[in-house]
Amino acid sequence: MKKVMIISAIVLMIFIGYVYLIFNPIFIGVKKTNSFQDSHWSNNLYNPLKDIEFTCGNNKIIIYFDRYDVSCLPIGIKQWTLLSCTDNTVIQQIKEHFEFEWNGEDYFETTDGNSKIYFFKDNKVVFHSLFHFEGNLSIKFPETGWIFTTKYDVLKENFSKFKPLYNPIVIMR
């Protein structure tokens, strides 16, 4: 009887630990900082992925949504803390429409967020940023603050193709 109780307690602790990690995943590896490049501006629009080609190779996008942001995701986006996509066609579509506009003269955003988006090219992080997906889609740079997408509907459609990632440990290089 004692063995059954001990085994049950261990299984329960493992389950609780896994559930905790689902909501607070662990990112292991080098966290490269996102770099804001003035050369990526074109006609008042900014695409941080402009020079990266995702048509071939081992590419993926991982999005981490904190618990609050999961509850605010638009209809069509899976309600999960980690979403992933490894389809190069979808990733290339996102890259082509990953355009943002900064409206710094009229709008100043002071809020911060915990959700993040990571782009991997051949298993190496090539871009990551804070990410917000409520009402509009935005990313954040220290130089500009939050910048907002001009292609919300296309990006939302592509992000709806992402699948939940059940492994709460993400290895980054």
Protein backbone atom coordinates (compact mmCIF):
# COMPACT_ATOMS: atom_id res chain seq x y z
CA MET A 1 0.00 0.00 0.00
CA LYS A 2 2.88 2.33 0.82
CA LYS A 3 4.44 1.74 -2.62
CA VAL A 4 1.17 2.63 -4.35
CA MET A 5 0.91 5.90 -2.41
CA ILE A 6 4.53 6.82 -3.19
CA ILE A 7 4.12 6.01 -6.89
CA SER A 8 0.84 7.95 -6.98
CA ALA A 9 2.50 10.96 -5.34
CA ILE A 10 5.38 10.84 -7.85
CA VAL A 11 3.00 10.58 -10.82
CA LEU A 12 0.93 13.47 -9.44
CA MET A 13 4.05 15.66 -9.01
CA ILE A 14 5.19 14.88 -12.56
CA PHE A 15 1.74 15.78 -13.90
CA ILE A 16 1.64 19.04 -11.92
CA GLY A 17 5.17 19.88 -13.13
CA TYR A 18 4.20 19.24 -16.75
CA VAL A 19 1.08 21.41 -16.47
CA TYR A 20 3.17 24.18 -14.90
CA LEU A 21 5.70 23.97 -17.75
CA ILE A 22 2.95 24.11 -20.37
CA PHE A 23 2.08 27.59 -19.07
CA ASN A 24 5.71 28.56 -18.33
CA PRO A 25 7.89 26.85 -20.95
CA ILE A 26 11.64 26.73 -20.67
CA PHE A 27 13.75 28.21 -23.48
CA ILE A 28 17.25 26.71 -23.47
CA GLY A 29 20.13 28.14 -25.44
CA VAL A 30 21.47 31.40 -26.72
CA LYS A 31 18.87 34.15 -26.80
CA LYS A 32 19.95 36.46 -29.56
CA THR A 33 18.59 39.94 -29.39
CA ASN A 34 16.44 41.20 -32.19
CA SER A 35 18.14 43.86 -34.21
CA PHE A 36 16.39 46.85 -35.63
CA GLN A 37 17.86 47.71 -39.03
CA ASP A 38 17.08 51.01 -40.71
CA SER A 39 17.70 49.39 -44.11
CA HIS A 40 14.54 47.31 -43.68
CA TRP A 41 12.29 50.39 -43.92
CA SER A 42 10.52 50.82 -47.24
CA ASN A 43 7.71 53.31 -47.94
CA ASN A 44 7.18 53.83 -44.18
CA LEU A 45 6.86 50.04 -43.67
CA TYR A 46 9.25 47.75 -41.82
CA ASN A 47 9.82 44.04 -42.45
CA PRO A 48 12.48 42.62 -40.08
CA LEU A 49 12.59 39.39 -42.14
CA LYS A 50 13.16 41.14 -45.47
CA ASP A 51 16.57 39.55 -46.20
CA ILE A 52 15.81 36.01 -44.97
CA GLU A 53 14.65 33.28 -47.34
CA PHE A 54 12.45 30.53 -45.87
CA THR A 55 11.64 28.60 -49.08
CA CYS A 56 13.99 25.72 -48.29
CA GLY A 57 15.82 24.27 -45.32
CA ASN A 58 14.76 23.30 -41.83
CA ASN A 59 12.76 26.36 -40.75
CA LYS A 60 10.14 26.99 -38.10
CA ILE A 61 8.30 29.63 -36.16
CA ILE A 62 7.46 29.22 -32.49
CA ILE A 63 5.08 31.57 -30.73
CA TYR A 64 4.83 31.71 -26.96
CA PHE A 65 1.66 33.31 -25.57
CA ASP A 66 1.47 34.02 -21.86
CA ARG A 67 -1.68 32.92 -20.02
CA TYR A 68 -3.41 36.28 -20.39
CA ASP A 69 -2.73 36.51 -24.12
CA VAL A 70 -4.04 32.97 -24.73
CA SER A 71 -7.44 34.05 -23.44
CA CYS A 72 -7.45 37.05 -25.81
CA LEU A 73 -6.45 35.30 -29.04
CA PRO A 74 -8.72 35.94 -32.02
CA ILE A 75 -11.09 33.26 -33.26
CA GLY A 76 -9.25 30.79 -35.49
CA ILE A 77 -5.97 30.86 -33.57
CA LYS A 78 -5.47 27.80 -31.39
CA GLN A 79 -5.78 28.57 -27.69
CA TRP A 80 -2.43 27.22 -26.48
CA THR A 81 0.70 28.71 -24.92
CA LEU A 82 3.15 27.34 -27.51
CA LEU A 83 2.30 27.22 -31.20
CA SER A 84 4.63 26.02 -33.93
CA CYS A 85 4.85 25.86 -37.71
CA THR A 86 7.46 24.01 -39.79
CA ASP A 87 5.79 24.37 -43.20
CA ASN A 88 8.18 26.44 -45.34
CA THR A 89 5.33 27.63 -47.58
CA VAL A 90 3.41 29.08 -44.62
CA ILE A 91 6.59 30.55 -43.11
CA GLN A 92 7.49 32.21 -46.44
CA GLN A 93 3.95 33.65 -46.68
CA ILE A 94 4.31 35.07 -43.16
CA LYS A 95 7.72 36.53 -44.04
CA GLU A 96 6.34 38.25 -47.14
CA HIS A 97 3.48 39.81 -45.17
CA PHE A 98 5.39 40.51 -41.92
CA GLU A 99 5.19 44.28 -42.54
CA PHE A 100 4.78 46.78 -39.75
CA GLU A 101 4.18 50.49 -39.56
CA TRP A 102 5.35 52.75 -36.77
CA ASN A 103 3.04 55.59 -35.91
CA GLY A 104 5.35 57.18 -33.36
CA GLU A 105 4.17 60.75 -33.89
CA ASP A 106 0.57 60.03 -32.96
CA TYR A 107 0.88 57.06 -30.63
CA PHE A 108 3.13 56.15 -27.72
CA GLU A 109 2.78 52.70 -26.16
CA THR A 110 4.23 52.10 -22.73
CA THR A 111 2.84 48.63 -22.02
CA ASP A 112 5.01 45.59 -22.14
CA GLY A 113 4.17 42.00 -22.85
CA ASN A 114 5.46 38.53 -22.20
CA SER A 115 4.43 36.80 -25.43
CA LYS A 116 7.23 36.19 -27.94
CA ILE A 117 7.70 35.05 -31.51
CA TYR A 118 10.81 33.17 -32.70
CA PHE A 119 11.85 32.59 -36.31
CA PHE A 120 14.32 29.75 -36.96
CA LYS A 121 16.31 29.33 -40.18
CA ASP A 122 18.05 25.94 -40.39
CA ASN A 123 17.43 25.45 -36.65
CA LYS A 124 19.07 28.76 -35.64
CA VAL A 125 17.18 31.73 -34.25
CA VAL A 126 17.32 34.49 -36.86
CA PHE A 127 14.75 36.82 -35.33
CA HIS A 128 12.71 37.09 -32.16
CA SER A 129 10.62 39.79 -30.60
CA LEU A 130 7.97 40.52 -28.05
CA PHE A 131 4.69 39.79 -29.76
CA HIS A 132 1.12 40.91 -29.17
CA PHE A 133 -1.94 39.53 -30.94
CA GLU A 134 -5.04 41.21 -29.50
CA GLY A 135 -7.09 43.41 -31.80
CA ASN A 136 -4.03 43.86 -33.98
CA LEU A 137 -0.69 42.16 -34.35
CA SER A 138 2.39 43.99 -33.12
CA ILE A 139 6.06 43.46 -32.32
CA LYS A 140 8.36 45.58 -30.15
CA PHE A 141 11.80 47.09 -30.63
CA PRO A 142 13.67 49.25 -28.10
CA GLU A 143 14.17 51.87 -30.84
CA THR A 144 10.51 52.20 -31.86
CA GLY A 145 8.38 50.62 -29.16
CA TRP A 146 5.44 48.64 -30.48
CA ILE A 147 4.94 48.67 -34.25
CA PHE A 148 1.72 47.39 -35.79
CA THR A 149 1.09 45.20 -38.80
CA THR A 150 -0.57 46.44 -41.95
CA LYS A 151 -1.39 42.86 -43.05
CA TYR A 152 -3.39 41.61 -40.07
CA ASP A 153 -5.89 39.43 -41.97
CA VAL A 154 -3.25 37.61 -44.04
CA LEU A 155 -1.04 37.00 -41.00
CA LYS A 156 -3.98 35.85 -38.88
CA GLU A 157 -4.95 33.36 -41.61
CA ASN A 158 -1.41 31.97 -41.71
CA PHE A 159 -1.07 31.87 -37.91
CA SER A 160 -4.30 29.86 -37.77
CA LYS A 161 -2.36 27.02 -39.47
CA PHE A 162 0.01 26.69 -36.50
CA LYS A 163 -0.18 23.59 -34.34
CA PRO A 164 0.10 23.33 -30.56
CA LEU A 165 3.56 22.39 -29.32
CA TYR A 166 3.19 20.02 -26.38
CA ASN A 167 6.87 19.86 -25.44
CA PRO A 168 7.35 22.71 -22.93
CA ILE A 169 11.11 22.79 -23.44
CA VAL A 170 12.36 24.74 -26.48
CA ILE A 171 16.01 24.41 -27.48
CA MET A 172 17.41 27.47 -29.26
CA ARG A 173 20.75 27.99 -30.96
